[in-house]
Amino acid sequence: MGHEELVRHLIRTAEGKRDGILARAREEAGRLAEDAHRKAEVMEREARDVAGREAERERLVRMNRARMEARAVRLHARASLAEAVLTRLEERLSRLAVEARYAIVAERLYREILPEIPEGNVVLRADERAREALMPAASDPRFRFEPLREGEIGGVEASGEGGAFLLRNTLRSRFVKARPELLAEVARRLPCPDE
């Protein structure tokens, strides 16, 4: 074999190896591209799943927030309604002092505190109509009548001359004392916020 023949043989061998290397490189590149494509599809599905879960979680958070806000509005409405009922009841109590049966109520309120009134001079506070009703019952000279404090809506208060004690049995004081139970009763009778 001559030198030229050897060079051509080496060139053909090198070209064959080159073609084999390129073919294997193309196969490897195709396989890598397929793997990358599959991995990209998997990552895309996972990203979509994560985004879907995040979107669902955000939707649930917003729905829960909206439910809580709606419930708070309904609770506020119930509380406002209960307050309105108690306001009407207090208005009704204030009108009781002008009704004919008020004299009986005032005397009963006085008799409830009478056993607790200690010896000594006593100041009885009552409105004009209650005072008229109580005059026969409280004719003891140690009792001195004064007008009921402003803001009271009927009934009677008794105190010592020096303010040593105070017995309050007015319609407002009884209403204030009963208010928590009345609120609970009104709330019990109102529909629940979730209904």
N, C-alpha and C. Protein backbone atom coordinates (compact mmCIF):
# COMPACT_ATOMS: atom_id res chain seq x y z
N MET A 1 0.84 -1.14 0.00
CA MET A 1 0.00 0.00 0.00
C MET A 1 0.91 1.23 0.00
N GLY A 2 0.50 2.12 -0.88
CA GLY A 2 1.30 3.31 -1.01
C GLY A 2 0.84 4.37 -0.01
N HIS A 3 1.65 5.37 -0.02
CA HIS A 3 1.40 6.45 0.90
C HIS A 3 0.04 7.08 0.63
N GLU A 4 -0.30 7.30 -0.60
CA GLU A 4 -1.59 7.89 -0.94
C GLU A 4 -2.72 6.96 -0.56
N GLU A 5 -2.49 5.74 -0.81
CA GLU A 5 -3.51 4.75 -0.47
C GLU A 5 -3.72 4.74 1.04
N LEU A 6 -2.69 4.84 1.79
CA LEU A 6 -2.76 4.84 3.25
C LEU A 6 -3.50 6.09 3.72
N VAL A 7 -3.23 7.22 3.09
CA VAL A 7 -3.90 8.46 3.50
C VAL A 7 -5.39 8.35 3.20
N ARG A 8 -5.76 7.82 2.03
CA ARG A 8 -7.18 7.67 1.72
C ARG A 8 -7.85 6.71 2.67
N HIS A 9 -7.14 5.62 3.01
CA HIS A 9 -7.68 4.65 3.96
C HIS A 9 -7.89 5.33 5.32
N LEU A 10 -6.94 6.09 5.77
CA LEU A 10 -7.07 6.79 7.07
C LEU A 10 -8.21 7.80 7.03
N ILE A 11 -8.35 8.48 5.85
CA ILE A 11 -9.44 9.47 5.74
C ILE A 11 -10.77 8.76 5.77
N ARG A 12 -10.90 7.62 5.05
CA ARG A 12 -12.17 6.87 5.05
C ARG A 12 -12.46 6.35 6.43
N THR A 13 -11.45 5.85 7.13
CA THR A 13 -11.63 5.31 8.47
C THR A 13 -12.06 6.45 9.41
N ALA A 14 -11.39 7.60 9.27
CA ALA A 14 -11.73 8.74 10.13
C ALA A 14 -13.14 9.22 9.83
N GLU A 15 -13.51 9.25 8.51
CA GLU A 15 -14.87 9.69 8.16
C GLU A 15 -15.91 8.71 8.67
N GLY A 16 -15.58 7.41 8.61
CA GLY A 16 -16.50 6.40 9.14
C GLY A 16 -16.69 6.55 10.65
N LYS A 17 -15.57 6.76 11.34
CA LYS A 17 -15.66 6.96 12.79
C LYS A 17 -16.43 8.25 13.09
N ARG A 18 -16.11 9.27 12.24
CA ARG A 18 -16.82 10.54 12.44
C ARG A 18 -18.32 10.33 12.25
N ASP A 19 -18.71 9.63 11.18
CA ASP A 19 -20.14 9.39 10.91
C ASP A 19 -20.77 8.57 12.03
N GLY A 20 -20.03 7.59 12.56
CA GLY A 20 -20.54 6.78 13.67
C GLY A 20 -20.72 7.61 14.93
N ILE A 21 -19.71 8.47 15.19
CA ILE A 21 -19.78 9.34 16.37
C ILE A 21 -20.95 10.31 16.22
N LEU A 22 -21.10 10.88 15.01
CA LEU A 22 -22.22 11.82 14.78
C LEU A 22 -23.57 11.11 14.92
N ALA A 23 -23.66 9.87 14.40
CA ALA A 23 -24.92 9.12 14.51
C ALA A 23 -25.25 8.84 15.97
N ARG A 24 -24.19 8.38 16.72
CA ARG A 24 -24.42 8.12 18.15
C ARG A 24 -24.77 9.43 18.89
N ALA A 25 -24.11 10.55 18.50
CA ALA A 25 -24.38 11.85 19.12
C ALA A 25 -25.82 12.29 18.81
N ARG A 26 -26.26 12.04 17.55
CA ARG A 26 -27.64 12.39 17.19
C ARG A 26 -28.62 11.55 18.00
N GLU A 27 -28.32 10.24 18.11
CA GLU A 27 -29.18 9.36 18.91
C GLU A 27 -29.23 9.83 20.36
N GLU A 28 -28.04 10.12 20.90
CA GLU A 28 -27.97 10.58 22.30
C GLU A 28 -28.71 11.91 22.46
N ALA A 29 -28.54 12.82 21.49
CA ALA A 29 -29.23 14.12 21.54
C ALA A 29 -30.73 13.91 21.46
N GLY A 30 -31.17 12.99 20.58
CA GLY A 30 -32.61 12.70 20.47
C GLY A 30 -33.15 12.14 21.78
N ARG A 31 -32.36 11.18 22.37
CA ARG A 31 -32.79 10.59 23.64
C ARG A 31 -32.84 11.66 24.74
N LEU A 32 -31.80 12.50 24.78
CA LEU A 32 -31.78 13.57 25.77
C LEU A 32 -32.94 14.55 25.55
N ALA A 33 -33.23 14.84 24.29
CA ALA A 33 -34.34 15.75 23.98
C ALA A 33 -35.67 15.13 24.42
N GLU A 34 -35.82 13.81 24.15
CA GLU A 34 -37.04 13.12 24.60
C GLU A 34 -37.16 13.14 26.11
N ASP A 35 -36.04 12.83 26.80
CA ASP A 35 -36.04 12.87 28.27
C ASP A 35 -36.39 14.27 28.77
N ALA A 36 -35.77 15.28 28.16
CA ALA A 36 -36.02 16.66 28.57
C ALA A 36 -37.49 17.02 28.32
N HIS A 37 -38.01 16.54 27.17
CA HIS A 37 -39.41 16.81 26.85
C HIS A 37 -40.34 16.15 27.87
N ARG A 38 -40.05 14.86 28.20
CA ARG A 38 -40.86 14.15 29.21
C ARG A 38 -40.78 14.86 30.56
N LYS A 39 -39.52 15.23 30.96
CA LYS A 39 -39.36 15.92 32.23
C LYS A 39 -40.09 17.26 32.24
N ALA A 40 -40.03 17.97 31.10
CA ALA A 40 -40.73 19.25 30.99
C ALA A 40 -42.24 19.05 31.13
N GLU A 41 -42.75 17.96 30.50
CA GLU A 41 -44.19 17.68 30.62
C GLU A 41 -44.55 17.36 32.06
N VAL A 42 -43.70 16.55 32.74
CA VAL A 42 -43.95 16.21 34.14
C VAL A 42 -43.91 17.47 34.99
N MET A 43 -42.89 18.32 34.77
CA MET A 43 -42.77 19.56 35.54
C MET A 43 -43.95 20.49 35.27
N GLU A 44 -44.41 20.52 34.01
CA GLU A 44 -45.56 21.36 33.67
C GLU A 44 -46.81 20.87 34.39
N ARG A 45 -47.01 19.52 34.40
CA ARG A 45 -48.17 18.95 35.12
C ARG A 45 -48.08 19.27 36.60
N GLU A 46 -46.85 19.07 37.17
CA GLU A 46 -46.67 19.36 38.59
C GLU A 46 -46.92 20.83 38.89
N ALA A 47 -46.40 21.70 38.01
CA ALA A 47 -46.61 23.14 38.20
C ALA A 47 -48.09 23.48 38.12
N ARG A 48 -48.79 22.85 37.15
CA ARG A 48 -50.24 23.07 37.04
C ARG A 48 -50.96 22.58 38.28
N ASP A 49 -50.55 21.40 38.78
CA ASP A 49 -51.16 20.85 40.00
C ASP A 49 -50.92 21.78 41.19
N VAL A 50 -49.66 22.23 41.33
CA VAL A 50 -49.34 23.14 42.44
C VAL A 50 -50.14 24.43 42.30
N ALA A 51 -50.17 24.98 41.09
CA ALA A 51 -50.93 26.21 40.86
C ALA A 51 -52.41 25.98 41.13
N GLY A 52 -52.92 24.82 40.72
CA GLY A 52 -54.33 24.49 40.99
C GLY A 52 -54.60 24.38 42.48
N ARG A 53 -53.67 23.71 43.21
CA ARG A 53 -53.86 23.58 44.66
C ARG A 53 -53.78 24.94 45.34
N GLU A 54 -52.83 25.76 44.89
CA GLU A 54 -52.70 27.12 45.45
C GLU A 54 -53.95 27.94 45.16
N ALA A 55 -54.44 27.84 43.92
CA ALA A 55 -55.66 28.58 43.56
C ALA A 55 -56.84 28.10 44.40
N GLU A 56 -56.94 26.78 44.59
CA GLU A 56 -58.03 26.22 45.40
C GLU A 56 -57.90 26.67 46.85
N ARG A 57 -56.65 26.65 47.36
CA ARG A 57 -56.42 27.09 48.73
C ARG A 57 -56.80 28.57 48.89
N GLU A 58 -56.41 29.38 47.93
CA GLU A 58 -56.74 30.81 47.97
C GLU A 58 -58.25 31.00 47.88
N ARG A 59 -58.90 30.20 47.01
CA ARG A 59 -60.36 30.28 46.90
C ARG A 59 -61.02 29.93 48.22
N LEU A 60 -60.52 28.85 48.87
CA LEU A 60 -61.08 28.45 50.16
C LEU A 60 -60.85 29.50 51.23
N VAL A 61 -59.65 30.10 51.23
CA VAL A 61 -59.36 31.16 52.20
C VAL A 61 -60.32 32.33 52.00
N ARG A 62 -60.52 32.71 50.74
CA ARG A 62 -61.42 33.83 50.45
C ARG A 62 -62.87 33.49 50.80
N MET A 63 -63.26 32.25 50.50
CA MET A 63 -64.63 31.83 50.84
C MET A 63 -64.83 31.83 52.36
N ASN A 64 -63.83 31.31 53.08
CA ASN A 64 -63.93 31.31 54.55
C ASN A 64 -63.99 32.72 55.09
N ARG A 65 -63.17 33.61 54.52
CA ARG A 65 -63.19 35.00 54.96
C ARG A 65 -64.56 35.61 54.68
N ALA A 66 -65.11 35.34 53.50
CA ALA A 66 -66.43 35.88 53.15
C ALA A 66 -67.50 35.32 54.08
N ARG A 67 -67.39 34.01 54.41
CA ARG A 67 -68.36 33.41 55.34
C ARG A 67 -68.26 34.06 56.71
N MET A 68 -67.02 34.26 57.18
CA MET A 68 -66.83 34.88 58.50
C MET A 68 -67.37 36.31 58.52
N GLU A 69 -67.12 37.05 57.44
CA GLU A 69 -67.63 38.41 57.36
C GLU A 69 -69.16 38.41 57.33
N ALA A 70 -69.73 37.50 56.57
CA ALA A 70 -71.20 37.41 56.50
C ALA A 70 -71.77 37.03 57.87
N ARG A 71 -71.11 36.10 58.54
CA ARG A 71 -71.57 35.69 59.87
C ARG A 71 -71.47 36.86 60.85
N ALA A 72 -70.38 37.63 60.76
CA ALA A 72 -70.21 38.79 61.63
C ALA A 72 -71.30 39.82 61.37
N VAL A 73 -71.65 40.01 60.10
CA VAL A 73 -72.73 40.95 59.77
C VAL A 73 -74.06 40.47 60.35
N ARG A 74 -74.31 39.15 60.21
CA ARG A 74 -75.56 38.60 60.76
C ARG A 74 -75.59 38.71 62.29
N LEU A 75 -74.44 38.43 62.93
CA LEU A 75 -74.37 38.57 64.39
C LEU A 75 -74.58 40.01 64.81
N HIS A 76 -73.99 40.93 64.07
CA HIS A 76 -74.17 42.34 64.38
C HIS A 76 -75.64 42.72 64.22
N ALA A 77 -76.27 42.22 63.16
CA ALA A 77 -77.69 42.50 62.95
C ALA A 77 -78.53 41.94 64.09
N ARG A 78 -78.20 40.72 64.55
CA ARG A 78 -78.94 40.13 65.67
C ARG A 78 -78.75 40.97 66.93
N ALA A 79 -77.49 41.39 67.18
CA ALA A 79 -77.21 42.20 68.36
C ALA A 79 -77.96 43.53 68.29
N SER A 80 -77.99 44.13 67.09
CA SER A 80 -78.72 45.39 66.92
C SER A 80 -80.21 45.18 67.15
N LEU A 81 -80.72 44.08 66.65
CA LEU A 81 -82.14 43.78 66.84
C LEU A 81 -82.45 43.54 68.32
N ALA A 82 -81.57 42.80 69.00
CA ALA A 82 -81.77 42.56 70.44
C ALA A 82 -81.72 43.88 71.20
N GLU A 83 -80.79 44.75 70.85
CA GLU A 83 -80.71 46.06 71.50
C GLU A 83 -81.97 46.87 71.24
N ALA A 84 -82.48 46.80 70.01
CA ALA A 84 -83.71 47.52 69.67
C ALA A 84 -84.88 47.01 70.51
N VAL A 85 -84.94 45.69 70.69
CA VAL A 85 -86.01 45.11 71.51
C VAL A 85 -85.91 45.62 72.94
N LEU A 86 -84.69 45.63 73.49
CA LEU A 86 -84.51 46.10 74.88
C LEU A 86 -84.78 47.60 75.00
N THR A 87 -84.45 48.35 73.98
CA THR A 87 -84.76 49.79 73.99
C THR A 87 -86.26 50.00 74.03
N ARG A 88 -86.97 49.21 73.22
CA ARG A 88 -88.44 49.31 73.23
C ARG A 88 -89.00 48.91 74.59
N LEU A 89 -88.42 47.90 75.19
CA LEU A 89 -88.87 47.46 76.51
C LEU A 89 -88.63 48.56 77.54
N GLU A 90 -87.48 49.21 77.47
CA GLU A 90 -87.19 50.31 78.41
C GLU A 90 -88.16 51.46 78.19
N GLU A 91 -88.48 51.75 76.93
CA GLU A 91 -89.47 52.79 76.64
C GLU A 91 -90.82 52.42 77.25
N ARG A 92 -91.15 51.16 77.13
CA ARG A 92 -92.42 50.68 77.69
C ARG A 92 -92.42 50.82 79.22
N LEU A 93 -91.29 50.52 79.84
CA LEU A 93 -91.17 50.70 81.30
C LEU A 93 -91.36 52.15 81.70
N SER A 94 -90.80 53.06 80.91
CA SER A 94 -90.93 54.49 81.25
C SER A 94 -92.38 54.95 81.12
N ARG A 95 -93.16 54.32 80.28
CA ARG A 95 -94.58 54.68 80.17
C ARG A 95 -95.41 54.08 81.30
N LEU A 96 -94.87 53.06 81.97
CA LEU A 96 -95.60 52.42 83.07
C LEU A 96 -95.88 53.42 84.19
N ALA A 97 -94.98 54.38 84.39
CA ALA A 97 -95.13 55.34 85.49
C ALA A 97 -96.35 56.24 85.33
N VAL A 98 -96.95 56.30 84.16
CA VAL A 98 -98.15 57.13 83.98
C VAL A 98 -99.42 56.29 83.91
N GLU A 99 -99.29 54.98 84.00
CA GLU A 99 -100.48 54.12 83.96
C GLU A 99 -101.12 54.03 85.34
N ALA A 100 -102.38 53.68 85.36
CA ALA A 100 -103.15 53.61 86.61
C ALA A 100 -102.57 52.57 87.57
N ARG A 101 -102.09 51.48 87.07
CA ARG A 101 -101.59 50.40 87.93
C ARG A 101 -100.21 50.70 88.52
N TYR A 102 -99.59 51.81 88.12
CA TYR A 102 -98.25 52.14 88.61
C TYR A 102 -98.22 52.30 90.13
N ALA A 103 -99.28 52.84 90.72
CA ALA A 103 -99.30 53.02 92.18
C ALA A 103 -99.10 51.68 92.89
N ILE A 104 -99.71 50.62 92.36
CA ILE A 104 -99.56 49.29 92.96
C ILE A 104 -98.12 48.80 92.80
N VAL A 105 -97.54 49.04 91.63
CA VAL A 105 -96.16 48.64 91.37
C VAL A 105 -95.21 49.38 92.31
N ALA A 106 -95.40 50.70 92.46
CA ALA A 106 -94.53 51.51 93.33
C ALA A 106 -94.61 51.02 94.78
N GLU A 107 -95.81 50.72 95.24
CA GLU A 107 -95.96 50.24 96.62
C GLU A 107 -95.28 48.88 96.79
N ARG A 108 -95.41 48.05 95.80
CA ARG A 108 -94.75 46.73 95.88
C ARG A 108 -93.22 46.88 95.91
N LEU A 109 -92.69 47.77 95.08
CA LEU A 109 -91.24 48.03 95.08
C LEU A 109 -90.79 48.54 96.45
N TYR A 110 -91.59 49.40 97.07
CA TYR A 110 -91.27 49.92 98.40
C TYR A 110 -91.29 48.79 99.43
N ARG A 111 -92.31 47.98 99.39
CA ARG A 111 -92.46 46.89 100.38
C ARG A 111 -91.30 45.87 100.26
N GLU A 112 -90.75 45.70 99.06
CA GLU A 112 -89.63 44.77 98.87
C GLU A 112 -88.38 45.23 99.62
N ILE A 113 -88.17 46.55 99.70
CA ILE A 113 -86.96 47.03 100.39
C ILE A 113 -87.21 47.40 101.85
N LEU A 114 -88.46 47.48 102.26
CA LEU A 114 -88.81 47.89 103.62
C LEU A 114 -88.09 47.07 104.70
N PRO A 115 -88.03 45.73 104.58
CA PRO A 115 -87.34 44.97 105.64
C PRO A 115 -85.84 45.28 105.74
N GLU A 116 -85.26 45.83 104.68
CA GLU A 116 -83.82 46.10 104.68
C GLU A 116 -83.49 47.51 105.17
N ILE A 117 -84.51 48.36 105.34
CA ILE A 117 -84.26 49.73 105.79
C ILE A 117 -83.92 49.70 107.28
N PRO A 118 -82.72 50.18 107.63
CA PRO A 118 -82.32 50.16 109.04
C PRO A 118 -83.00 51.27 109.84
N GLU A 119 -82.79 51.25 111.14
CA GLU A 119 -83.34 52.28 112.02
C GLU A 119 -82.67 53.61 111.73
N GLY A 120 -83.31 54.67 112.09
CA GLY A 120 -82.75 56.00 111.91
C GLY A 120 -83.48 56.74 110.80
N ASN A 121 -83.05 57.96 110.59
CA ASN A 121 -83.69 58.79 109.57
C ASN A 121 -83.34 58.27 108.17
N VAL A 122 -84.36 58.28 107.35
CA VAL A 122 -84.23 57.71 106.01
C VAL A 122 -84.76 58.71 104.99
N VAL A 123 -84.04 58.81 103.88
CA VAL A 123 -84.52 59.61 102.74
C VAL A 123 -85.10 58.63 101.73
N LEU A 124 -86.38 58.84 101.43
CA LEU A 124 -87.04 58.03 100.39
C LEU A 124 -87.12 58.88 99.13
N ARG A 125 -86.63 58.35 98.05
CA ARG A 125 -86.72 59.06 96.77
C ARG A 125 -87.73 58.32 95.90
N ALA A 126 -88.67 59.08 95.37
CA ALA A 126 -89.70 58.51 94.50
C ALA A 126 -90.22 59.61 93.60
N ASP A 127 -90.80 59.21 92.47
CA ASP A 127 -91.42 60.22 91.61
C ASP A 127 -92.74 60.64 92.25
N GLU A 128 -93.37 61.64 91.70
CA GLU A 128 -94.57 62.23 92.31
C GLU A 128 -95.70 61.20 92.49
N ARG A 129 -95.94 60.38 91.47
CA ARG A 129 -97.06 59.41 91.57
C ARG A 129 -96.74 58.33 92.60
N ALA A 130 -95.49 57.88 92.64
CA ALA A 130 -95.11 56.87 93.63
C ALA A 130 -95.20 57.46 95.04
N ARG A 131 -94.79 58.71 95.17
CA ARG A 131 -94.85 59.39 96.48
C ARG A 131 -96.28 59.43 97.01
N GLU A 132 -97.21 59.76 96.12
CA GLU A 132 -98.63 59.78 96.52
C GLU A 132 -99.08 58.41 96.99
N ALA A 133 -98.65 57.38 96.28
CA ALA A 133 -99.05 56.02 96.63
C ALA A 133 -98.38 55.56 97.93
N LEU A 134 -97.15 56.05 98.19
CA LEU A 134 -96.39 55.58 99.35
C LEU A 134 -96.68 56.37 100.62
N MET A 135 -97.28 57.55 100.53
CA MET A 135 -97.53 58.38 101.72
C MET A 135 -98.20 57.61 102.86
N PRO A 136 -99.28 56.87 102.57
CA PRO A 136 -99.91 56.15 103.69
C PRO A 136 -98.99 55.04 104.26
N ALA A 137 -98.25 54.36 103.38
CA ALA A 137 -97.42 53.26 103.84
C ALA A 137 -96.16 53.76 104.54
N ALA A 138 -95.63 54.89 104.09
CA ALA A 138 -94.38 55.42 104.64
C ALA A 138 -94.63 56.69 105.44
N SER A 139 -95.62 56.64 106.31
CA SER A 139 -95.98 57.84 107.09
C SER A 139 -95.10 58.01 108.32
N ASP A 140 -94.17 57.13 108.54
CA ASP A 140 -93.25 57.22 109.68
C ASP A 140 -92.51 58.57 109.62
N PRO A 141 -92.45 59.32 110.74
CA PRO A 141 -91.80 60.64 110.72
C PRO A 141 -90.30 60.58 110.42
N ARG A 142 -89.69 59.42 110.57
CA ARG A 142 -88.26 59.33 110.27
C ARG A 142 -87.98 59.30 108.77
N PHE A 143 -89.04 59.15 107.97
CA PHE A 143 -88.89 59.15 106.51
C PHE A 143 -89.07 60.56 105.96
N ARG A 144 -88.16 60.95 105.11
CA ARG A 144 -88.25 62.23 104.42
C ARG A 144 -88.23 61.93 102.93
N PHE A 145 -89.19 62.50 102.20
CA PHE A 145 -89.30 62.26 100.76
C PHE A 145 -88.49 63.28 99.97
N GLU A 146 -87.83 62.80 98.91
CA GLU A 146 -87.15 63.65 97.94
C GLU A 146 -87.49 63.12 96.56
N PRO A 147 -87.31 63.96 95.55
CA PRO A 147 -87.58 63.48 94.18
C PRO A 147 -86.58 62.39 93.78
N LEU A 148 -87.04 61.54 92.94
CA LEU A 148 -86.19 60.47 92.40
C LEU A 148 -85.10 61.09 91.53
N ARG A 149 -83.92 60.49 91.54
CA ARG A 149 -82.80 61.02 90.75
C ARG A 149 -83.17 61.05 89.27
N GLU A 150 -82.59 62.03 88.58
CA GLU A 150 -82.85 62.15 87.15
C GLU A 150 -82.31 60.92 86.42
N GLY A 151 -83.06 60.46 85.47
CA GLY A 151 -82.66 59.28 84.71
C GLY A 151 -83.35 58.01 85.18
N GLU A 152 -83.88 58.03 86.40
CA GLU A 152 -84.63 56.87 86.88
C GLU A 152 -86.01 56.90 86.24
N ILE A 153 -86.64 55.74 86.12
CA ILE A 153 -87.94 55.70 85.44
C ILE A 153 -89.03 55.15 86.34
N GLY A 154 -88.93 55.38 87.59
CA GLY A 154 -89.99 54.96 88.50
C GLY A 154 -89.48 53.99 89.53
N GLY A 155 -90.22 53.90 90.63
CA GLY A 155 -89.81 53.03 91.71
C GLY A 155 -89.41 53.85 92.92
N VAL A 156 -88.54 53.28 93.74
CA VAL A 156 -88.18 53.95 94.99
C VAL A 156 -86.73 53.66 95.35
N GLU A 157 -86.11 54.65 96.01
CA GLU A 157 -84.76 54.50 96.56
C GLU A 157 -84.83 54.91 98.02
N ALA A 158 -84.06 54.25 98.85
CA ALA A 158 -83.97 54.63 100.26
C ALA A 158 -82.50 54.75 100.60
N SER A 159 -82.18 55.81 101.37
CA SER A 159 -80.79 55.97 101.81
C SER A 159 -80.79 56.60 103.19
N GLY A 160 -79.69 56.43 103.89
CA GLY A 160 -79.54 57.08 105.19
C GLY A 160 -79.32 58.57 104.96
N GLU A 161 -79.58 59.38 106.01
CA GLU A 161 -79.40 60.82 105.92
C GLU A 161 -78.00 61.18 105.43
N GLY A 162 -77.00 60.49 105.93
CA GLY A 162 -75.62 60.78 105.53
C GLY A 162 -75.16 59.92 104.37
N GLY A 163 -76.04 59.20 103.76
CA GLY A 163 -75.67 58.32 102.64
C GLY A 163 -75.01 57.04 103.10
N ALA A 164 -75.30 56.63 104.35
CA ALA A 164 -74.66 55.44 104.92
C ALA A 164 -75.06 54.17 104.17
N PHE A 165 -76.19 54.16 103.57
CA PHE A 165 -76.63 52.99 102.81
C PHE A 165 -77.47 53.47 101.64
N LEU A 166 -77.67 52.61 100.71
CA LEU A 166 -78.54 52.93 99.58
C LEU A 166 -79.25 51.66 99.15
N LEU A 167 -80.55 51.74 99.17
CA LEU A 167 -81.38 50.64 98.67
C LEU A 167 -82.11 51.18 97.44
N ARG A 168 -81.83 50.59 96.30
CA ARG A 168 -82.45 51.06 95.06
C ARG A 168 -83.34 49.96 94.52
N ASN A 169 -84.61 50.30 94.36
CA ASN A 169 -85.56 49.36 93.77
C ASN A 169 -86.42 50.14 92.77
N THR A 170 -85.73 50.61 91.73
CA THR A 170 -86.42 51.37 90.70
C THR A 170 -86.63 50.48 89.48
N LEU A 171 -87.48 50.95 88.60
CA LEU A 171 -87.73 50.17 87.38
C LEU A 171 -86.44 50.08 86.54
N ARG A 172 -85.68 51.18 86.48
CA ARG A 172 -84.43 51.15 85.71
C ARG A 172 -83.42 50.20 86.35
N SER A 173 -83.27 50.25 87.68
CA SER A 173 -82.28 49.37 88.32
C SER A 173 -82.65 47.91 88.12
N ARG A 174 -83.92 47.62 88.19
CA ARG A 174 -84.37 46.23 87.97
C ARG A 174 -84.14 45.83 86.50
N PHE A 175 -84.39 46.78 85.60
CA PHE A 175 -84.16 46.52 84.18
C PHE A 175 -82.68 46.27 83.91
N VAL A 176 -81.82 47.11 84.49
CA VAL A 176 -80.38 46.96 84.29
C VAL A 176 -79.92 45.60 84.83
N LYS A 177 -80.45 45.21 85.99
CA LYS A 177 -80.07 43.93 86.59
C LYS A 177 -80.54 42.75 85.72
N ALA A 178 -81.72 42.89 85.14
CA ALA A 178 -82.29 41.80 84.33
C ALA A 178 -81.79 41.83 82.88
N ARG A 179 -81.10 42.90 82.50
CA ARG A 179 -80.70 43.08 81.10
C ARG A 179 -79.92 41.90 80.51
N PRO A 180 -78.88 41.35 81.19
CA PRO A 180 -78.16 40.22 80.59
C PRO A 180 -79.06 39.02 80.31
N GLU A 181 -79.96 38.72 81.24
CA GLU A 181 -80.88 37.60 81.02
C GLU A 181 -81.86 37.92 79.89
N LEU A 182 -82.31 39.17 79.84
CA LEU A 182 -83.22 39.57 78.76
C LEU A 182 -82.53 39.48 77.41
N LEU A 183 -81.28 39.93 77.35
CA LEU A 183 -80.52 39.83 76.09
C LEU A 183 -80.38 38.38 75.66
N ALA A 184 -80.07 37.52 76.63
CA ALA A 184 -79.92 36.09 76.31
C ALA A 184 -81.24 35.52 75.81
N GLU A 185 -82.34 35.91 76.44
CA GLU A 185 -83.65 35.41 76.03
C GLU A 185 -84.03 35.92 74.63
N VAL A 186 -83.76 37.20 74.38
CA VAL A 186 -84.05 37.75 73.05
C VAL A 186 -83.19 37.05 72.01
N ALA A 187 -81.90 36.87 72.32
CA ALA A 187 -80.99 36.21 71.38
C ALA A 187 -81.44 34.77 71.12
N ARG A 188 -81.93 34.10 72.16
CA ARG A 188 -82.39 32.72 72.01
C ARG A 188 -83.59 32.64 71.06
N ARG A 189 -84.43 33.66 71.10
CA ARG A 189 -85.64 33.65 70.28
C ARG A 189 -85.40 34.12 68.85
N LEU A 190 -84.27 34.79 68.62
CA LEU A 190 -83.95 35.23 67.27
C LEU A 190 -83.37 34.07 66.48
N PRO A 191 -83.53 34.08 65.14
CA PRO A 191 -82.91 33.01 64.34
C PRO A 191 -81.40 33.07 64.43
N CYS A 192 -80.77 31.89 64.37
CA CYS A 192 -79.31 31.80 64.45
C CYS A 192 -78.70 32.42 63.19
N PRO A 193 -77.47 32.95 63.29
CA PRO A 193 -76.84 33.56 62.12
C PRO A 193 -76.60 32.60 60.98
N ASP A 194 -76.51 31.32 61.25
CA ASP A 194 -76.23 30.34 60.19
C ASP A 194 -77.51 29.82 59.52
N GLU A 195 -78.66 30.29 60.01
CA GLU A 195 -79.92 29.79 59.43
C GLU A 195 -80.26 30.56 58.18
